[in-house]
Amino acid sequence: MNTTKIVLVSDNHGDSECLKDLKEMYPDYDLFVHCGDSEMEEEYMDGYICVRGNNDYLYTRKTPDSLTLHIQGHIVYVCHGHMDFLSYFHYEPMINRARAEGADIIFFGHVHTYLDTVQDGMRLLNPGSIRHNRDATPPSYMLVEISRENVTVTKKEYVRPHKPGLVEKIIELLIGKSSK
């Protein structure tokens, strides 16, 4: 069974380290999709399929407001959401836009709240914010696996990997030198 593995993220608001961390954590994943509000220049989004969010002032016109992906017989509508629903948690206009594109799955962000649900026959997937969720849950992202027969979603909490600081690096060097 062929499966496409996707890291789905949104709303990092200028934090580039988390995006680099995900690329390092999931080197065998097929796609990295960002649902907007990176607040970063496009050159720093290398390896991510991106749409423009309401805070993405640095993007040029080559980053679209929405796009569709054809994956394993599914059509995925990708948007930030700020232009696609009238108010938080009222997704009917977004569902109608996705349906007009032939989509059966929507990836979106904007609300900083994790969501995996089906509404009006449409699968809605929001990874939450990898920087700050508004519902007081830890920062999050999604792992999505899509095959022709199935769509599997795993919620992941984002915990910044520990990277040694300058003092730790100096201590490691000193310890390494003193043991020789």
N, C-alpha and C. Protein backbone atom coordinates (compact mmCIF):
# COMPACT_ATOMS: atom_id res chain seq x y z
N MET A 1 0.84 -1.18 0.00
CA MET A 1 0.00 0.00 0.00
C MET A 1 0.89 1.24 0.00
N ASN A 2 0.70 2.12 -0.98
CA ASN A 2 1.45 3.36 -1.05
C ASN A 2 0.88 4.37 -0.07
N THR A 3 1.76 5.02 0.66
CA THR A 3 1.37 6.02 1.64
C THR A 3 2.28 7.23 1.49
N THR A 4 1.66 8.42 1.52
CA THR A 4 2.42 9.67 1.52
C THR A 4 2.43 10.19 2.95
N LYS A 5 3.62 10.43 3.47
CA LYS A 5 3.78 10.91 4.85
C LYS A 5 4.05 12.40 4.84
N ILE A 6 3.25 13.13 5.64
CA ILE A 6 3.27 14.59 5.62
C ILE A 6 3.46 15.13 7.04
N VAL A 7 4.34 16.11 7.18
CA VAL A 7 4.43 16.90 8.40
C VAL A 7 3.62 18.16 8.13
N LEU A 8 2.59 18.41 8.93
CA LEU A 8 1.69 19.55 8.75
C LEU A 8 1.88 20.52 9.91
N VAL A 9 2.17 21.78 9.57
CA VAL A 9 2.50 22.78 10.58
C VAL A 9 1.85 24.11 10.20
N SER A 10 1.68 24.96 11.19
CA SER A 10 1.14 26.30 10.94
C SER A 10 1.55 27.25 12.06
N ASP A 11 1.49 28.53 11.75
CA ASP A 11 1.57 29.60 12.75
C ASP A 11 2.81 29.53 13.64
N ASN A 12 4.00 29.50 13.03
CA ASN A 12 5.23 29.56 13.83
C ASN A 12 5.63 31.01 14.13
N HIS A 13 5.06 31.96 13.45
CA HIS A 13 5.24 33.40 13.71
C HIS A 13 6.70 33.79 13.96
N GLY A 14 7.53 33.51 12.95
CA GLY A 14 8.92 33.97 12.98
C GLY A 14 9.92 33.01 13.60
N ASP A 15 9.48 31.95 14.23
CA ASP A 15 10.39 30.99 14.85
C ASP A 15 10.88 30.02 13.78
N SER A 16 12.09 30.24 13.29
CA SER A 16 12.62 29.39 12.22
C SER A 16 13.18 28.08 12.76
N GLU A 17 13.61 28.06 14.01
CA GLU A 17 14.22 26.85 14.58
C GLU A 17 13.26 25.67 14.59
N CYS A 18 12.00 25.92 14.90
CA CYS A 18 11.05 24.80 14.96
C CYS A 18 10.89 24.14 13.59
N LEU A 19 10.93 24.93 12.52
CA LEU A 19 10.80 24.36 11.19
C LEU A 19 12.03 23.53 10.83
N LYS A 20 13.20 24.01 11.21
CA LYS A 20 14.43 23.24 11.00
C LYS A 20 14.39 21.95 11.81
N ASP A 21 13.92 22.06 13.06
CA ASP A 21 13.83 20.87 13.92
C ASP A 21 12.97 19.79 13.28
N LEU A 22 11.82 20.17 12.73
CA LEU A 22 10.93 19.18 12.12
C LEU A 22 11.58 18.51 10.92
N LYS A 23 12.31 19.27 10.12
CA LYS A 23 13.00 18.69 8.96
C LYS A 23 14.03 17.66 9.43
N GLU A 24 14.71 17.94 10.55
CA GLU A 24 15.69 17.00 11.09
C GLU A 24 15.02 15.79 11.74
N MET A 25 13.88 16.01 12.38
CA MET A 25 13.19 14.93 13.09
C MET A 25 12.52 13.93 12.15
N TYR A 26 12.13 14.38 10.96
CA TYR A 26 11.37 13.53 10.04
C TYR A 26 12.02 13.50 8.65
N PRO A 27 13.25 13.04 8.56
CA PRO A 27 13.94 13.07 7.26
C PRO A 27 13.33 12.13 6.22
N ASP A 28 12.56 11.14 6.67
CA ASP A 28 11.97 10.19 5.73
C ASP A 28 10.55 10.57 5.31
N TYR A 29 10.07 11.74 5.71
CA TYR A 29 8.72 12.17 5.32
C TYR A 29 8.76 12.76 3.92
N ASP A 30 7.64 12.60 3.21
CA ASP A 30 7.56 12.99 1.81
C ASP A 30 7.30 14.49 1.61
N LEU A 31 6.44 15.07 2.44
CA LEU A 31 6.04 16.46 2.28
C LEU A 31 6.04 17.19 3.61
N PHE A 32 6.39 18.47 3.56
CA PHE A 32 6.29 19.37 4.70
C PHE A 32 5.37 20.50 4.24
N VAL A 33 4.20 20.61 4.87
CA VAL A 33 3.21 21.59 4.45
C VAL A 33 3.01 22.60 5.56
N HIS A 34 3.08 23.89 5.20
CA HIS A 34 2.93 24.98 6.16
C HIS A 34 1.67 25.76 5.79
N CYS A 35 0.75 25.90 6.75
CA CYS A 35 -0.54 26.54 6.52
C CYS A 35 -0.55 28.04 6.83
N GLY A 36 0.59 28.69 6.77
CA GLY A 36 0.63 30.14 6.85
C GLY A 36 0.97 30.71 8.21
N ASP A 37 1.26 32.01 8.19
CA ASP A 37 1.74 32.79 9.32
C ASP A 37 3.10 32.29 9.82
N SER A 38 4.00 32.13 8.86
CA SER A 38 5.39 31.85 9.23
C SER A 38 6.08 33.16 9.62
N GLU A 39 5.67 34.25 9.00
CA GLU A 39 6.30 35.56 9.17
C GLU A 39 7.78 35.52 8.83
N MET A 40 8.11 34.70 7.84
CA MET A 40 9.49 34.57 7.41
C MET A 40 9.57 34.77 5.90
N GLU A 41 10.72 35.21 5.45
CA GLU A 41 10.91 35.35 4.01
C GLU A 41 10.91 33.97 3.38
N GLU A 42 10.45 33.91 2.14
CA GLU A 42 10.28 32.64 1.45
C GLU A 42 11.56 31.80 1.41
N GLU A 43 12.71 32.43 1.32
CA GLU A 43 13.96 31.67 1.23
C GLU A 43 14.22 30.82 2.47
N TYR A 44 13.61 31.19 3.61
CA TYR A 44 13.78 30.42 4.84
C TYR A 44 12.76 29.29 4.97
N MET A 45 11.89 29.19 3.99
CA MET A 45 10.86 28.16 4.01
C MET A 45 11.22 27.00 3.08
N ASP A 46 12.49 26.87 2.77
CA ASP A 46 12.96 25.85 1.85
C ASP A 46 12.50 24.46 2.29
N GLY A 47 11.91 23.73 1.37
CA GLY A 47 11.44 22.38 1.66
C GLY A 47 10.01 22.32 2.14
N TYR A 48 9.39 23.47 2.37
CA TYR A 48 7.99 23.51 2.82
C TYR A 48 7.10 24.00 1.68
N ILE A 49 5.97 23.34 1.51
CA ILE A 49 4.91 23.84 0.64
C ILE A 49 4.13 24.82 1.49
N CYS A 50 4.01 26.07 1.03
CA CYS A 50 3.46 27.13 1.88
C CYS A 50 2.30 27.86 1.23
N VAL A 51 1.40 28.32 2.08
CA VAL A 51 0.39 29.30 1.69
C VAL A 51 0.59 30.54 2.56
N ARG A 52 0.05 31.64 2.09
CA ARG A 52 0.21 32.91 2.78
C ARG A 52 -0.85 33.05 3.88
N GLY A 53 -0.41 33.50 5.06
CA GLY A 53 -1.31 33.79 6.17
C GLY A 53 -1.53 35.28 6.30
N ASN A 54 -2.36 35.68 7.22
CA ASN A 54 -2.67 37.09 7.40
C ASN A 54 -1.50 37.90 7.95
N ASN A 55 -0.46 37.26 8.48
CA ASN A 55 0.72 37.96 8.99
C ASN A 55 1.95 37.77 8.11
N ASP A 56 1.76 37.21 6.94
CA ASP A 56 2.90 36.94 6.06
C ASP A 56 3.15 38.10 5.10
N TYR A 57 3.58 39.22 5.64
CA TYR A 57 3.84 40.41 4.84
C TYR A 57 5.12 40.30 4.02
N LEU A 58 6.01 39.39 4.40
CA LEU A 58 7.29 39.27 3.71
C LEU A 58 7.19 38.42 2.44
N TYR A 59 6.08 37.71 2.27
CA TYR A 59 5.94 36.86 1.09
C TYR A 59 5.71 37.71 -0.16
N THR A 60 6.24 37.23 -1.26
CA THR A 60 5.97 37.86 -2.54
C THR A 60 4.74 37.20 -3.14
N ARG A 61 4.38 37.61 -4.29
CA ARG A 61 3.18 37.07 -4.95
C ARG A 61 3.32 35.61 -5.35
N LYS A 62 4.51 35.03 -5.30
CA LYS A 62 4.61 33.63 -5.72
C LYS A 62 4.11 32.66 -4.65
N THR A 63 3.87 33.13 -3.43
CA THR A 63 3.27 32.28 -2.41
C THR A 63 1.76 32.50 -2.47
N PRO A 64 1.00 31.44 -2.77
CA PRO A 64 -0.44 31.61 -2.97
C PRO A 64 -1.22 31.71 -1.66
N ASP A 65 -2.41 32.25 -1.74
CA ASP A 65 -3.31 32.29 -0.59
C ASP A 65 -3.89 30.91 -0.30
N SER A 66 -4.01 30.09 -1.34
CA SER A 66 -4.48 28.71 -1.17
C SER A 66 -3.93 27.89 -2.33
N LEU A 67 -3.96 26.58 -2.16
CA LEU A 67 -3.54 25.68 -3.23
C LEU A 67 -4.19 24.33 -3.03
N THR A 68 -4.14 23.50 -4.05
CA THR A 68 -4.64 22.13 -3.93
C THR A 68 -3.50 21.16 -4.21
N LEU A 69 -3.50 20.08 -3.46
CA LEU A 69 -2.52 19.01 -3.62
C LEU A 69 -3.26 17.73 -3.98
N HIS A 70 -2.75 17.00 -4.93
CA HIS A 70 -3.33 15.71 -5.31
C HIS A 70 -2.43 14.63 -4.71
N ILE A 71 -2.98 13.91 -3.73
CA ILE A 71 -2.19 12.94 -2.98
C ILE A 71 -2.95 11.62 -2.87
N GLN A 72 -2.42 10.59 -3.48
CA GLN A 72 -2.95 9.23 -3.34
C GLN A 72 -4.46 9.16 -3.62
N GLY A 73 -4.92 9.87 -4.63
CA GLY A 73 -6.33 9.84 -4.99
C GLY A 73 -7.20 10.81 -4.20
N HIS A 74 -6.62 11.55 -3.28
CA HIS A 74 -7.33 12.58 -2.52
C HIS A 74 -6.93 13.95 -3.04
N ILE A 75 -7.83 14.91 -2.89
CA ILE A 75 -7.50 16.29 -3.20
C ILE A 75 -7.54 17.07 -1.89
N VAL A 76 -6.42 17.72 -1.58
CA VAL A 76 -6.27 18.45 -0.33
C VAL A 76 -6.25 19.95 -0.65
N TYR A 77 -7.16 20.67 -0.04
CA TYR A 77 -7.20 22.12 -0.15
C TYR A 77 -6.40 22.68 1.02
N VAL A 78 -5.38 23.50 0.71
CA VAL A 78 -4.51 24.07 1.73
C VAL A 78 -4.72 25.57 1.76
N CYS A 79 -5.00 26.10 2.95
CA CYS A 79 -5.19 27.54 3.11
C CYS A 79 -4.79 27.91 4.54
N HIS A 80 -4.70 29.20 4.79
CA HIS A 80 -4.48 29.63 6.17
C HIS A 80 -5.80 29.65 6.91
N GLY A 81 -6.82 30.18 6.28
CA GLY A 81 -8.15 30.20 6.86
C GLY A 81 -8.71 31.60 7.04
N HIS A 82 -7.84 32.58 7.16
CA HIS A 82 -8.33 33.94 7.43
C HIS A 82 -9.20 34.48 6.30
N MET A 83 -9.02 33.98 5.09
CA MET A 83 -9.84 34.42 3.96
C MET A 83 -10.94 33.41 3.65
N ASP A 84 -10.94 32.30 4.35
CA ASP A 84 -11.80 31.18 3.98
C ASP A 84 -12.93 30.86 4.95
N PHE A 85 -12.96 31.53 6.11
CA PHE A 85 -14.14 31.38 6.95
C PHE A 85 -14.46 32.70 7.61
N LEU A 86 -15.72 32.90 7.88
CA LEU A 86 -16.19 34.22 8.32
C LEU A 86 -15.76 34.54 9.74
N SER A 87 -15.80 33.57 10.62
CA SER A 87 -15.36 33.76 12.00
C SER A 87 -14.84 32.42 12.51
N TYR A 88 -14.09 32.48 13.59
CA TYR A 88 -13.49 31.25 14.10
C TYR A 88 -14.55 30.18 14.30
N PHE A 89 -14.20 28.99 13.87
CA PHE A 89 -14.99 27.79 14.09
C PHE A 89 -16.29 27.75 13.29
N HIS A 90 -16.44 28.62 12.29
CA HIS A 90 -17.55 28.58 11.34
C HIS A 90 -16.94 28.36 9.96
N TYR A 91 -16.83 27.10 9.59
CA TYR A 91 -16.02 26.71 8.45
C TYR A 91 -16.78 26.51 7.14
N GLU A 92 -18.06 26.80 7.09
CA GLU A 92 -18.86 26.53 5.90
C GLU A 92 -18.29 27.17 4.64
N PRO A 93 -17.90 28.47 4.64
CA PRO A 93 -17.34 29.03 3.41
C PRO A 93 -16.05 28.33 2.96
N MET A 94 -15.21 27.95 3.91
CA MET A 94 -13.98 27.24 3.57
C MET A 94 -14.31 25.86 2.97
N ILE A 95 -15.27 25.19 3.54
CA ILE A 95 -15.68 23.89 3.01
C ILE A 95 -16.22 24.04 1.60
N ASN A 96 -17.01 25.08 1.36
CA ASN A 96 -17.56 25.32 0.02
C ASN A 96 -16.45 25.61 -0.99
N ARG A 97 -15.45 26.40 -0.60
CA ARG A 97 -14.32 26.68 -1.50
C ARG A 97 -13.54 25.40 -1.81
N ALA A 98 -13.31 24.60 -0.78
CA ALA A 98 -12.58 23.34 -0.98
C ALA A 98 -13.38 22.40 -1.88
N ARG A 99 -14.67 22.32 -1.64
CA ARG A 99 -15.53 21.46 -2.46
C ARG A 99 -15.51 21.91 -3.92
N ALA A 100 -15.48 23.23 -4.16
CA ALA A 100 -15.40 23.75 -5.53
C ALA A 100 -14.11 23.33 -6.22
N GLU A 101 -13.06 23.07 -5.44
CA GLU A 101 -11.78 22.58 -5.98
C GLU A 101 -11.76 21.05 -6.10
N GLY A 102 -12.84 20.40 -5.69
CA GLY A 102 -12.91 18.94 -5.74
C GLY A 102 -12.28 18.26 -4.54
N ALA A 103 -11.95 19.03 -3.51
CA ALA A 103 -11.22 18.50 -2.36
C ALA A 103 -12.10 17.66 -1.44
N ASP A 104 -11.45 16.73 -0.75
CA ASP A 104 -12.12 15.96 0.30
C ASP A 104 -11.43 16.14 1.65
N ILE A 105 -10.30 16.88 1.65
CA ILE A 105 -9.53 17.15 2.86
C ILE A 105 -9.13 18.63 2.84
N ILE A 106 -9.15 19.26 4.01
CA ILE A 106 -8.66 20.64 4.13
C ILE A 106 -7.55 20.68 5.18
N PHE A 107 -6.42 21.27 4.81
CA PHE A 107 -5.36 21.62 5.76
C PHE A 107 -5.46 23.13 5.98
N PHE A 108 -5.55 23.58 7.24
CA PHE A 108 -5.62 25.01 7.49
C PHE A 108 -5.03 25.34 8.85
N GLY A 109 -4.84 26.63 9.11
CA GLY A 109 -4.27 27.11 10.36
C GLY A 109 -5.13 28.22 10.93
N HIS A 110 -4.48 29.32 11.31
CA HIS A 110 -5.07 30.59 11.72
C HIS A 110 -5.64 30.61 13.13
N VAL A 111 -6.36 29.60 13.56
CA VAL A 111 -7.05 29.67 14.86
C VAL A 111 -6.17 29.24 16.03
N HIS A 112 -4.97 28.72 15.75
CA HIS A 112 -4.04 28.28 16.81
C HIS A 112 -4.69 27.25 17.73
N THR A 113 -5.49 26.37 17.15
CA THR A 113 -6.15 25.32 17.91
C THR A 113 -6.16 24.05 17.06
N TYR A 114 -5.70 22.96 17.64
CA TYR A 114 -5.66 21.67 16.96
C TYR A 114 -7.08 21.20 16.65
N LEU A 115 -7.26 20.64 15.43
CA LEU A 115 -8.57 20.12 15.05
C LEU A 115 -8.40 18.98 14.06
N ASP A 116 -9.11 17.90 14.30
CA ASP A 116 -9.25 16.79 13.36
C ASP A 116 -10.71 16.36 13.44
N THR A 117 -11.48 16.76 12.43
CA THR A 117 -12.91 16.46 12.45
C THR A 117 -13.42 16.32 11.03
N VAL A 118 -14.64 15.82 10.90
CA VAL A 118 -15.33 15.76 9.62
C VAL A 118 -16.58 16.63 9.75
N GLN A 119 -16.74 17.55 8.80
CA GLN A 119 -17.91 18.42 8.78
C GLN A 119 -18.46 18.43 7.36
N ASP A 120 -19.72 18.15 7.21
CA ASP A 120 -20.37 18.11 5.89
C ASP A 120 -19.60 17.23 4.91
N GLY A 121 -19.06 16.12 5.40
CA GLY A 121 -18.33 15.17 4.56
C GLY A 121 -16.90 15.57 4.23
N MET A 122 -16.44 16.69 4.77
CA MET A 122 -15.08 17.18 4.51
C MET A 122 -14.21 16.94 5.74
N ARG A 123 -13.03 16.37 5.55
CA ARG A 123 -12.08 16.17 6.65
C ARG A 123 -11.32 17.47 6.87
N LEU A 124 -11.43 18.05 8.06
CA LEU A 124 -10.77 19.31 8.42
C LEU A 124 -9.60 19.01 9.34
N LEU A 125 -8.40 19.43 8.93
CA LEU A 125 -7.20 19.18 9.71
C LEU A 125 -6.47 20.49 9.98
N ASN A 126 -6.36 20.83 11.24
CA ASN A 126 -5.61 22.01 11.67
C ASN A 126 -4.58 21.55 12.70
N PRO A 127 -3.29 21.75 12.42
CA PRO A 127 -2.26 21.26 13.34
C PRO A 127 -2.12 22.09 14.61
N GLY A 128 -2.88 23.18 14.72
CA GLY A 128 -2.66 24.11 15.83
C GLY A 128 -1.44 24.95 15.52
N SER A 129 -0.95 25.66 16.48
CA SER A 129 0.24 26.49 16.29
C SER A 129 1.46 25.79 16.88
N ILE A 130 2.53 25.77 16.12
CA ILE A 130 3.76 25.18 16.63
C ILE A 130 4.47 26.12 17.59
N ARG A 131 3.95 27.34 17.72
CA ARG A 131 4.54 28.31 18.64
C ARG A 131 3.70 28.52 19.89
N HIS A 132 2.37 28.71 19.71
CA HIS A 132 1.51 29.01 20.86
C HIS A 132 0.05 28.70 20.51
N ASN A 133 -0.53 27.72 21.18
CA ASN A 133 -1.95 27.41 20.98
C ASN A 133 -2.81 28.29 21.88
N ARG A 134 -3.92 28.73 21.34
CA ARG A 134 -4.80 29.65 22.08
C ARG A 134 -5.69 28.95 23.09
N ASP A 135 -5.73 27.63 23.08
CA ASP A 135 -6.57 26.90 24.03
C ASP A 135 -5.76 26.39 25.23
N ALA A 136 -4.58 26.93 25.44
CA ALA A 136 -3.70 26.61 26.57
C ALA A 136 -3.07 25.22 26.48
N THR A 137 -3.21 24.55 25.34
CA THR A 137 -2.50 23.28 25.15
C THR A 137 -1.09 23.59 24.64
N PRO A 138 -0.16 22.65 24.77
CA PRO A 138 1.20 22.89 24.28
C PRO A 138 1.22 23.11 22.77
N PRO A 139 2.24 23.78 22.26
CA PRO A 139 2.39 23.94 20.81
C PRO A 139 2.30 22.59 20.12
N SER A 140 1.73 22.58 18.90
CA SER A 140 1.49 21.30 18.26
C SER A 140 1.67 21.37 16.74
N TYR A 141 1.80 20.17 16.17
CA TYR A 141 1.83 19.96 14.73
C TYR A 141 1.22 18.59 14.47
N MET A 142 1.07 18.22 13.20
CA MET A 142 0.44 16.95 12.84
C MET A 142 1.35 16.12 11.95
N LEU A 143 1.25 14.83 12.14
CA LEU A 143 1.79 13.88 11.17
C LEU A 143 0.59 13.27 10.47
N VAL A 144 0.56 13.40 9.15
CA VAL A 144 -0.57 12.92 8.35
C VAL A 144 -0.04 11.88 7.39
N GLU A 145 -0.68 10.73 7.36
CA GLU A 145 -0.34 9.69 6.40
C GLU A 145 -1.56 9.44 5.54
N ILE A 146 -1.36 9.61 4.23
CA ILE A 146 -2.47 9.47 3.29
C ILE A 146 -2.19 8.33 2.33
N SER A 147 -3.12 7.38 2.28
CA SER A 147 -3.11 6.34 1.26
C SER A 147 -4.45 6.45 0.53
N ARG A 148 -4.60 5.70 -0.52
CA ARG A 148 -5.86 5.75 -1.25
C ARG A 148 -7.03 5.36 -0.33
N GLU A 149 -6.80 4.41 0.57
CA GLU A 149 -7.85 3.87 1.41
C GLU A 149 -8.05 4.60 2.73
N ASN A 150 -7.03 5.33 3.19
CA ASN A 150 -7.07 5.82 4.57
C ASN A 150 -6.31 7.13 4.74
N VAL A 151 -6.78 7.92 5.71
CA VAL A 151 -6.06 9.13 6.15
C VAL A 151 -5.86 8.99 7.65
N THR A 152 -4.60 8.89 8.07
CA THR A 152 -4.28 8.72 9.48
C THR A 152 -3.59 9.98 9.99
N VAL A 153 -4.03 10.46 11.15
CA VAL A 153 -3.51 11.69 11.71
C VAL A 153 -3.00 11.42 13.12
N THR A 154 -1.82 11.97 13.43
CA THR A 154 -1.26 11.88 14.76
C THR A 154 -0.95 13.29 15.24
N LYS A 155 -1.50 13.66 16.39
CA LYS A 155 -1.18 14.95 16.99
C LYS A 155 0.15 14.81 17.71
N LYS A 156 1.02 15.80 17.49
CA LYS A 156 2.32 15.82 18.15
C LYS A 156 2.47 17.15 18.88
N GLU A 157 2.93 17.08 20.11
CA GLU A 157 3.27 18.29 20.83
C GLU A 157 4.70 18.66 20.45
N TYR A 158 4.90 19.93 20.20
CA TYR A 158 6.24 20.37 19.84
C TYR A 158 7.02 20.73 21.10
N VAL A 159 8.10 20.02 21.31
CA VAL A 159 9.02 20.30 22.41
C VAL A 159 10.37 20.59 21.75
N ARG A 160 10.88 21.76 22.00
CA ARG A 160 12.15 22.16 21.38
C ARG A 160 13.25 21.21 21.84
N PRO A 161 13.95 20.58 20.89
CA PRO A 161 15.05 19.70 21.27
C PRO A 161 16.14 20.48 22.00
N HIS A 162 16.75 19.82 22.98
CA HIS A 162 17.84 20.47 23.71
C HIS A 162 19.07 20.53 22.82
N LYS A 163 19.60 21.72 22.70
CA LYS A 163 20.84 21.91 21.96
C LYS A 163 21.82 22.58 22.91
N PRO A 164 23.02 22.03 23.04
CA PRO A 164 23.97 22.59 24.00
C PRO A 164 24.29 24.05 23.69
N GLY A 165 24.31 24.86 24.75
CA GLY A 165 24.69 26.26 24.64
C GLY A 165 26.19 26.42 24.69
N LEU A 166 26.64 27.65 24.65
CA LEU A 166 28.06 27.95 24.62
C LEU A 166 28.78 27.38 25.84
N VAL A 167 28.20 27.58 27.03
CA VAL A 167 28.84 27.09 28.25
C VAL A 167 28.95 25.56 28.21
N GLU A 168 27.89 24.89 27.80
CA GLU A 168 27.92 23.42 27.71
C GLU A 168 28.97 22.96 26.71
N LYS A 169 29.09 23.65 25.59
CA LYS A 169 30.09 23.28 24.60
C LYS A 169 31.51 23.45 25.15
N ILE A 170 31.74 24.52 25.89
CA ILE A 170 33.06 24.75 26.50
C ILE A 170 33.37 23.65 27.51
N ILE A 171 32.40 23.29 28.34
CA ILE A 171 32.60 22.22 29.33
C ILE A 171 32.90 20.90 28.63
N GLU A 172 32.16 20.60 27.57
CA GLU A 172 32.41 19.37 26.82
C GLU A 172 33.83 19.36 26.26
N LEU A 173 34.28 20.51 25.74
CA LEU A 173 35.65 20.60 25.23
C LEU A 173 36.67 20.40 26.33
N LEU A 174 36.43 21.03 27.49
CA LEU A 174 37.36 20.90 28.61
C LEU A 174 37.40 19.48 29.13
N ILE A 175 36.26 18.87 29.27
CA ILE A 175 36.21 17.47 29.73
C ILE A 175 36.90 16.56 28.73
N GLY A 176 36.62 16.80 27.46
CA GLY A 176 37.26 16.00 26.42
C GLY A 176 38.77 16.14 26.45
N LYS A 177 39.28 17.35 26.69
CA LYS A 177 40.72 17.60 26.72
C LYS A 177 41.36 17.00 27.97
N SER A 178 40.64 17.08 29.12
CA SER A 178 41.22 16.60 30.36
C SER A 178 41.25 15.07 30.44
N SER A 179 40.43 14.39 29.65
CA SER A 179 40.41 12.93 29.70
C SER A 179 41.46 12.31 28.80
N LYS A 180 42.21 13.12 28.07
CA LYS A 180 43.23 12.57 27.15
C LYS A 180 44.58 12.50 27.82
